[in-house]
Amino acid sequence: MSLSIGQATGYINNIENGNNYPSMAQFFYICEYLGITPKQFFDTDKNPAKQNELLDALSGVSSEQLDTLIALVKGLKR
C-alpha cells in the first residue's frame, strides 16, 4: 500500500505504529486507495467496505425488490 500511494515501503507501517502521521494530502490518497471517503474512515460504527459491497450487490435490483430489502433492513434495526 505504501508504494501504491507513492511512499517508502514502511510508510503505512509507521503510521499504524504511531511513529508517523500522514499529511492531509497523503490521508486523502490513503482514503482513495481504500475506496472510502474521509467521513467513512472516521466512522468507527460502520464498515464502509461491507457497505460498498452491499451497494454493488444492489445494482440491477428492481424497485420492488429494493422496497422489500429496505423493509427487511429496517426490521433488523429494531
PDB file of N, CA and C in Angstrom:
ATOM      1  N   MET A   1       0.822  -1.182   0.000  1.00  0.00           N
ATOM      2  CA  MET A   1       0.000   0.000   0.000  1.00  0.00           C
ATOM      3  C   MET A   1       0.874   1.256   0.000  1.00  0.00           C
ATOM      4  N   SER A   2       1.922   1.243   0.781  1.00  0.00           N
ATOM      5  CA  SER A   2       2.820   2.399   0.838  1.00  0.00           C
ATOM      6  C   SER A   2       3.312   2.776  -0.546  1.00  0.00           C
ATOM      7  N   LEU A   3       3.770   1.794  -1.293  1.00  0.00           N
ATOM      8  CA  LEU A   3       4.291   2.053  -2.636  1.00  0.00           C
ATOM      9  C   LEU A   3       3.189   2.528  -3.575  1.00  0.00           C
ATOM     10  N   SER A   4       1.981   2.011  -3.388  1.00  0.00           N
ATOM     11  CA  SER A   4       0.858   2.384  -4.247  1.00  0.00           C
ATOM     12  C   SER A   4       0.465   3.843  -4.098  1.00  0.00           C
ATOM     13  N   ILE A   5       0.742   4.426  -2.934  1.00  0.00           N
ATOM     14  CA  ILE A   5       0.415   5.845  -2.741  1.00  0.00           C
ATOM     15  C   ILE A   5       1.656   6.727  -2.865  1.00  0.00           C
ATOM     16  N   GLY A   6       2.743   6.144  -3.399  1.00  0.00           N
ATOM     17  CA  GLY A   6       3.940   6.914  -3.696  1.00  0.00           C
ATOM     18  C   GLY A   6       4.859   7.158  -2.511  1.00  0.00           C
ATOM     19  N   GLN A   7       4.846   6.264  -1.547  1.00  0.00           N
ATOM     20  CA  GLN A   7       5.669   6.430  -0.354  1.00  0.00           C
ATOM     21  C   GLN A   7       6.651   5.265  -0.213  1.00  0.00           C
ATOM     22  N   ALA A   8       7.563   5.401   0.738  1.00  0.00           N
ATOM     23  CA  ALA A   8       8.543   4.341   1.012  1.00  0.00           C
ATOM     24  C   ALA A   8       7.830   3.115   1.586  1.00  0.00           C
ATOM     25  N   THR A   9       8.480   1.985   1.508  1.00  0.00           N
ATOM     26  CA  THR A   9       7.898   0.706   1.898  1.00  0.00           C
ATOM     27  C   THR A   9       7.271   0.708   3.295  1.00  0.00           C
ATOM     28  N   GLY A  10       7.924   1.281   4.289  1.00  0.00           N
ATOM     29  CA  GLY A  10       7.437   1.225   5.662  1.00  0.00           C
ATOM     30  C   GLY A  10       6.524   2.365   6.076  1.00  0.00           C
ATOM     31  N   TYR A  11       6.088   3.190   5.124  1.00  0.00           N
ATOM     32  CA  TYR A  11       5.301   4.383   5.450  1.00  0.00           C
ATOM     33  C   TYR A  11       4.026   4.049   6.222  1.00  0.00           C
ATOM     34  N   ILE A  12       3.204   3.158   5.701  1.00  0.00           N
ATOM     35  CA  ILE A  12       1.943   2.788   6.355  1.00  0.00           C
ATOM     36  C   ILE A  12       2.222   2.102   7.687  1.00  0.00           C
ATOM     37  N   ASN A  13       3.236   1.267   7.740  1.00  0.00           N
ATOM     38  CA  ASN A  13       3.606   0.603   8.995  1.00  0.00           C
ATOM     39  C   ASN A  13       3.936   1.633  10.074  1.00  0.00           C
ATOM     40  N   ASN A  14       4.658   2.681   9.705  1.00  0.00           N
ATOM     41  CA  ASN A  14       4.988   3.734  10.664  1.00  0.00           C
ATOM     42  C   ASN A  14       3.743   4.470  11.156  1.00  0.00           C
ATOM     43  N   ILE A  15       2.772   4.655  10.289  1.00  0.00           N
ATOM     44  CA  ILE A  15       1.510   5.276  10.707  1.00  0.00           C
ATOM     45  C   ILE A  15       0.768   4.343  11.659  1.00  0.00           C
ATOM     46  N   GLU A  16       0.693   3.070  11.304  1.00  0.00           N
ATOM     47  CA  GLU A  16      -0.009   2.094  12.143  1.00  0.00           C
ATOM     48  C   GLU A  16       0.603   2.001  13.531  1.00  0.00           C
ATOM     49  N   ASN A  17       1.903   2.130  13.616  1.00  0.00           N
ATOM     50  CA  ASN A  17       2.594   2.020  14.902  1.00  0.00           C
ATOM     51  C   ASN A  17       2.678   3.338  15.663  1.00  0.00           C
ATOM     52  N   GLY A  18       2.105   4.404  15.104  1.00  0.00           N
ATOM     53  CA  GLY A  18       2.110   5.704  15.769  1.00  0.00           C
ATOM     54  C   GLY A  18       3.430   6.438  15.690  1.00  0.00           C
ATOM     55  N   ASN A  19       4.329   5.988  14.807  1.00  0.00           N
ATOM     56  CA  ASN A  19       5.625   6.637  14.649  1.00  0.00           C
ATOM     57  C   ASN A  19       5.577   7.820  13.692  1.00  0.00           C
ATOM     58  N   ASN A  20       4.505   7.917  12.926  1.00  0.00           N
ATOM     59  CA  ASN A  20       4.390   8.950  11.907  1.00  0.00           C
ATOM     60  C   ASN A  20       2.909   9.226  11.673  1.00  0.00           C
ATOM     61  N   TYR A  21       2.608  10.405  11.184  1.00  0.00           N
ATOM     62  CA  TYR A  21       1.241  10.756  10.817  1.00  0.00           C
ATOM     63  C   TYR A  21       1.239  11.238   9.375  1.00  0.00           C
ATOM     64  N   PRO A  22       0.212  10.882   8.614  1.00  0.00           N
ATOM     65  CA  PRO A  22       0.184  11.308   7.220  1.00  0.00           C
ATOM     66  C   PRO A  22      -0.180  12.788   7.110  1.00  0.00           C
ATOM     67  N   SER A  23       0.309  13.430   6.063  1.00  0.00           N
ATOM     68  CA  SER A  23      -0.150  14.780   5.759  1.00  0.00           C
ATOM     69  C   SER A  23      -1.605  14.667   5.301  1.00  0.00           C
ATOM     70  N   MET A  24      -2.273  15.786   5.219  1.00  0.00           N
ATOM     71  CA  MET A  24      -3.665  15.770   4.767  1.00  0.00           C
ATOM     72  C   MET A  24      -3.752  15.201   3.351  1.00  0.00           C
ATOM     73  N   ALA A  25      -2.816  15.583   2.492  1.00  0.00           N
ATOM     74  CA  ALA A  25      -2.817  15.060   1.117  1.00  0.00           C
ATOM     75  C   ALA A  25      -2.641  13.542   1.116  1.00  0.00           C
ATOM     76  N   GLN A  26      -1.708  13.052   1.926  1.00  0.00           N
ATOM     77  CA  GLN A  26      -1.488  11.608   2.000  1.00  0.00           C
ATOM     78  C   GLN A  26      -2.709  10.889   2.581  1.00  0.00           C
ATOM     79  N   PHE A  27      -3.374  11.529   3.543  1.00  0.00           N
ATOM     80  CA  PHE A  27      -4.597  10.952   4.106  1.00  0.00           C
ATOM     81  C   PHE A  27      -5.637  10.749   3.008  1.00  0.00           C
ATOM     82  N   PHE A  28      -5.790  11.742   2.130  1.00  0.00           N
ATOM     83  CA  PHE A  28      -6.748  11.610   1.026  1.00  0.00           C
ATOM     84  C   PHE A  28      -6.330  10.502   0.066  1.00  0.00           C
ATOM     85  N   TYR A  29      -5.037  10.350  -0.179  1.00  0.00           N
ATOM     86  CA  TYR A  29      -4.549   9.245  -1.022  1.00  0.00           C
ATOM     87  C   TYR A  29      -4.856   7.893  -0.379  1.00  0.00           C
ATOM     88  N   ILE A  30      -4.688   7.819   0.931  1.00  0.00           N
ATOM     89  CA  ILE A  30      -4.992   6.571   1.644  1.00  0.00           C
ATOM     90  C   ILE A  30      -6.474   6.239   1.521  1.00  0.00           C
ATOM     91  N   CYS A  31      -7.333   7.232   1.721  1.00  0.00           N
ATOM     92  CA  CYS A  31      -8.773   7.008   1.576  1.00  0.00           C
ATOM     93  C   CYS A  31      -9.117   6.557   0.160  1.00  0.00           C
ATOM     94  N   GLU A  32      -8.515   7.215  -0.820  1.00  0.00           N
ATOM     95  CA  GLU A  32      -8.756   6.839  -2.216  1.00  0.00           C
ATOM     96  C   GLU A  32      -8.314   5.397  -2.465  1.00  0.00           C
ATOM     97  N   TYR A  33      -7.144   5.033  -1.945  1.00  0.00           N
ATOM     98  CA  TYR A  33      -6.637   3.679  -2.103  1.00  0.00           C
ATOM     99  C   TYR A  33      -7.609   2.662  -1.490  1.00  0.00           C
ATOM    100  N   LEU A  34      -8.167   2.992  -0.329  1.00  0.00           N
ATOM    101  CA  LEU A  34      -9.087   2.095   0.371  1.00  0.00           C
ATOM    102  C   LEU A  34     -10.496   2.113  -0.224  1.00  0.00           C
ATOM    103  N   GLY A  35     -10.760   3.087  -1.102  1.00  0.00           N
ATOM    104  CA  GLY A  35     -12.082   3.186  -1.719  1.00  0.00           C
ATOM    105  C   GLY A  35     -13.139   3.708  -0.767  1.00  0.00           C
ATOM    106  N   ILE A  36     -12.738   4.587   0.153  1.00  0.00           N
ATOM    107  CA  ILE A  36     -13.667   5.148   1.124  1.00  0.00           C
ATOM    108  C   ILE A  36     -13.506   6.663   1.176  1.00  0.00           C
ATOM    109  N   THR A  37     -14.497   7.314   1.758  1.00  0.00           N
ATOM    110  CA  THR A  37     -14.415   8.760   1.957  1.00  0.00           C
ATOM    111  C   THR A  37     -13.745   9.037   3.301  1.00  0.00           C
ATOM    112  N   PRO A  38     -13.231  10.246   3.502  1.00  0.00           N
ATOM    113  CA  PRO A  38     -12.680  10.587   4.814  1.00  0.00           C
ATOM    114  C   PRO A  38     -13.704  10.403   5.941  1.00  0.00           C
ATOM    115  N   LYS A  39     -14.971  10.717   5.677  1.00  0.00           N
ATOM    116  CA  LYS A  39     -16.014  10.522   6.690  1.00  0.00           C
ATOM    117  C   LYS A  39     -16.125   9.047   7.061  1.00  0.00           C
ATOM    118  N   GLN A  40     -16.112   8.189   6.060  1.00  0.00           N
ATOM    119  CA  GLN A  40     -16.186   6.754   6.326  1.00  0.00           C
ATOM    120  C   GLN A  40     -14.977   6.273   7.111  1.00  0.00           C
ATOM    121  N   PHE A  41     -13.818   6.859   6.862  1.00  0.00           N
ATOM    122  CA  PHE A  41     -12.603   6.479   7.571  1.00  0.00           C
ATOM    123  C   PHE A  41     -12.766   6.680   9.070  1.00  0.00           C
ATOM    124  N   PHE A  42     -13.383   7.784   9.457  1.00  0.00           N
ATOM    125  CA  PHE A  42     -13.518   8.110  10.876  1.00  0.00           C
ATOM    126  C   PHE A  42     -14.787   7.570  11.510  1.00  0.00           C
ATOM    127  N   ASP A  43     -15.698   7.031  10.718  1.00  0.00           N
ATOM    128  CA  ASP A  43     -16.952   6.495  11.244  1.00  0.00           C
ATOM    129  C   ASP A  43     -16.709   5.074  11.725  1.00  0.00           C
ATOM    130  N   THR A  44     -16.380   4.937  12.991  1.00  0.00           N
ATOM    131  CA  THR A  44     -15.993   3.635  13.544  1.00  0.00           C
ATOM    132  C   THR A  44     -17.168   2.712  13.813  1.00  0.00           C
ATOM    133  N   ASP A  45     -18.392   3.230  13.731  1.00  0.00           N
ATOM    134  CA  ASP A  45     -19.559   2.396  13.997  1.00  0.00           C
ATOM    135  C   ASP A  45     -19.998   1.587  12.782  1.00  0.00           C
ATOM    136  N   LYS A  46     -19.364   1.840  11.643  1.00  0.00           N
ATOM    137  CA  LYS A  46     -19.787   1.188  10.407  1.00  0.00           C
ATOM    138  C   LYS A  46     -18.602   0.551   9.710  1.00  0.00           C
ATOM    139  N   ASN A  47     -18.906  -0.300   8.747  1.00  0.00           N
ATOM    140  CA  ASN A  47     -17.889  -0.973   7.967  1.00  0.00           C
ATOM    141  C   ASN A  47     -18.050  -0.544   6.509  1.00  0.00           C
ATOM    142  N   PRO A  48     -17.329   0.506   6.082  1.00  0.00           N
ATOM    143  CA  PRO A  48     -17.531   1.028   4.720  1.00  0.00           C
ATOM    144  C   PRO A  48     -17.272   0.013   3.624  1.00  0.00           C
ATOM    145  N   ALA A  49     -16.348  -0.889   3.832  1.00  0.00           N
ATOM    146  CA  ALA A  49     -16.075  -1.886   2.791  1.00  0.00           C
ATOM    147  C   ALA A  49     -17.301  -2.773   2.590  1.00  0.00           C
ATOM    148  N   LYS A  50     -17.937  -3.178   3.669  1.00  0.00           N
ATOM    149  CA  LYS A  50     -19.145  -4.009   3.569  1.00  0.00           C
ATOM    150  C   LYS A  50     -20.304  -3.209   2.985  1.00  0.00           C
ATOM    151  N   GLN A  51     -20.403  -1.932   3.342  1.00  0.00           N
ATOM    152  CA  GLN A  51     -21.453  -1.089   2.779  1.00  0.00           C
ATOM    153  C   GLN A  51     -21.273  -0.956   1.269  1.00  0.00           C
ATOM    154  N   ASN A  52     -20.046  -0.757   0.826  1.00  0.00           N
ATOM    155  CA  ASN A  52     -19.774  -0.662  -0.609  1.00  0.00           C
ATOM    156  C   ASN A  52     -20.084  -1.977  -1.311  1.00  0.00           C
ATOM    157  N   GLU A  53     -19.763  -3.084  -0.652  1.00  0.00           N
ATOM    158  CA  GLU A  53     -20.074  -4.400  -1.222  1.00  0.00           C
ATOM    159  C   GLU A  53     -21.581  -4.575  -1.384  1.00  0.00           C
ATOM    160  N   LEU A  54     -22.330  -4.132  -0.376  1.00  0.00           N
ATOM    161  CA  LEU A  54     -23.787  -4.218  -0.444  1.00  0.00           C
ATOM    162  C   LEU A  54     -24.332  -3.348  -1.567  1.00  0.00           C
ATOM    163  N   LEU A  55     -23.825  -2.134  -1.692  1.00  0.00           N
ATOM    164  CA  LEU A  55     -24.284  -1.248  -2.766  1.00  0.00           C
ATOM    165  C   LEU A  55     -24.005  -1.848  -4.137  1.00  0.00           C
ATOM    166  N   ASP A  56     -22.842  -2.463  -4.296  1.00  0.00           N
ATOM    167  CA  ASP A  56     -22.523  -3.118  -5.569  1.00  0.00           C
ATOM    168  C   ASP A  56     -23.485  -4.264  -5.851  1.00  0.00           C
ATOM    169  N   ALA A  57     -23.821  -5.015  -4.810  1.00  0.00           N
ATOM    170  CA  ALA A  57     -24.727  -6.156  -4.975  1.00  0.00           C
ATOM    171  C   ALA A  57     -26.144  -5.708  -5.328  1.00  0.00           C
ATOM    172  N   LEU A  58     -26.503  -4.482  -4.971  1.00  0.00           N
ATOM    173  CA  LEU A  58     -27.856  -3.985  -5.228  1.00  0.00           C
ATOM    174  C   LEU A  58     -28.058  -3.468  -6.649  1.00  0.00           C
ATOM    175  N   SER A  59     -26.980  -3.324  -7.395  1.00  0.00           N
ATOM    176  CA  SER A  59     -27.143  -2.827  -8.761  1.00  0.00           C
ATOM    177  C   SER A  59     -27.945  -3.837  -9.583  1.00  0.00           C
ATOM    178  N   GLY A  60     -28.907  -3.337 -10.302  1.00  0.00           N
ATOM    179  CA  GLY A  60     -29.735  -4.200 -11.133  1.00  0.00           C
ATOM    180  C   GLY A  60     -30.950  -4.768 -10.438  1.00  0.00           C
ATOM    181  N   VAL A  61     -31.104  -4.455  -9.147  1.00  0.00           N
ATOM    182  CA  VAL A  61     -32.260  -4.944  -8.401  1.00  0.00           C
ATOM    183  C   VAL A  61     -33.449  -4.048  -8.734  1.00  0.00           C
ATOM    184  N   SER A  62     -34.624  -4.649  -8.885  1.00  0.00           N
ATOM    185  CA  SER A  62     -35.808  -3.874  -9.246  1.00  0.00           C
ATOM    186  C   SER A  62     -36.246  -2.976  -8.094  1.00  0.00           C
ATOM    187  N   SER A  63     -37.069  -2.004  -8.413  1.00  0.00           N
ATOM    188  CA  SER A  63     -37.591  -1.070  -7.406  1.00  0.00           C
ATOM    189  C   SER A  63     -38.393  -1.814  -6.340  1.00  0.00           C
ATOM    190  N   GLU A  64     -39.171  -2.776  -6.754  1.00  0.00           N
ATOM    191  CA  GLU A  64     -39.974  -3.574  -5.816  1.00  0.00           C
ATOM    192  C   GLU A  64     -39.057  -4.380  -4.882  1.00  0.00           C
ATOM    193  N   GLN A  65     -38.012  -4.953  -5.436  1.00  0.00           N
ATOM    194  CA  GLN A  65     -37.058  -5.703  -4.617  1.00  0.00           C
ATOM    195  C   GLN A  65     -36.338  -4.779  -3.639  1.00  0.00           C
ATOM    196  N   LEU A  66     -36.015  -3.555  -4.076  1.00  0.00           N
ATOM    197  CA  LEU A  66     -35.392  -2.591  -3.179  1.00  0.00           C
ATOM    198  C   LEU A  66     -36.309  -2.245  -2.016  1.00  0.00           C
ATOM    199  N   ASP A  67     -37.602  -2.069  -2.297  1.00  0.00           N
ATOM    200  CA  ASP A  67     -38.558  -1.789  -1.227  1.00  0.00           C
ATOM    201  C   ASP A  67     -38.593  -2.921  -0.209  1.00  0.00           C
ATOM    202  N   THR A  68     -38.552  -4.142  -0.697  1.00  0.00           N
ATOM    203  CA  THR A  68     -38.543  -5.306   0.190  1.00  0.00           C
ATOM    204  C   THR A  68     -37.276  -5.329   1.043  1.00  0.00           C
ATOM    205  N   LEU A  69     -36.142  -5.046   0.427  1.00  0.00           N
ATOM    206  CA  LEU A  69     -34.874  -5.037   1.157  1.00  0.00           C
ATOM    207  C   LEU A  69     -34.827  -3.911   2.194  1.00  0.00           C
ATOM    208  N   ILE A  70     -35.369  -2.755   1.843  1.00  0.00           N
ATOM    209  CA  ILE A  70     -35.419  -1.635   2.789  1.00  0.00           C
ATOM    210  C   ILE A  70     -36.254  -2.012   4.001  1.00  0.00           C
ATOM    211  N   ALA A  71     -37.411  -2.623   3.775  1.00  0.00           N
ATOM    212  CA  ALA A  71     -38.255  -3.059   4.883  1.00  0.00           C
ATOM    213  C   ALA A  71     -37.530  -4.091   5.749  1.00  0.00           C
ATOM    214  N   LEU A  72     -36.797  -4.987   5.116  1.00  0.00           N
ATOM    215  CA  LEU A  72     -36.050  -6.010   5.849  1.00  0.00           C
ATOM    216  C   LEU A  72     -34.980  -5.373   6.722  1.00  0.00           C
ATOM    217  N   VAL A  73     -34.240  -4.431   6.180  1.00  0.00           N
ATOM    218  CA  VAL A  73     -33.177  -3.776   6.928  1.00  0.00           C
ATOM    219  C   VAL A  73     -33.751  -2.979   8.094  1.00  0.00           C
ATOM    220  N   LYS A  74     -34.840  -2.278   7.848  1.00  0.00           N
ATOM    221  CA  LYS A  74     -35.492  -1.529   8.941  1.00  0.00           C
ATOM    222  C   LYS A  74     -35.919  -2.473  10.056  1.00  0.00           C
ATOM    223  N   GLY A  75     -36.375  -3.667   9.697  1.00  0.00           N
ATOM    224  CA  GLY A  75     -36.767  -4.664  10.696  1.00  0.00           C
ATOM    225  C   GLY A  75     -35.579  -5.178  11.484  1.00  0.00           C
ATOM    226  N   LEU A  76     -34.397  -5.237  10.870  1.00  0.00           N
ATOM    227  CA  LEU A  76     -33.195  -5.696  11.551  1.00  0.00           C
ATOM    228  C   LEU A  76     -32.711  -4.698  12.586  1.00  0.00           C
ATOM    229  N   LYS A  77     -33.000  -3.416  12.387  1.00  0.00           N
ATOM    230  CA  LYS A  77     -32.535  -2.374  13.289  1.00  0.00           C
ATOM    231  C   LYS A  77     -33.278  -2.372  14.618  1.00  0.00           C
ATOM    232  N   ARG A  78     -34.411  -2.990  14.671  1.00  0.00           N
ATOM    233  CA  ARG A  78     -35.219  -2.966  15.900  1.00  0.00           C
ATOM    234  C   ARG A  78     -34.676  -3.848  16.959  1.00  0.00           C
TER     235      ARG A  78
END
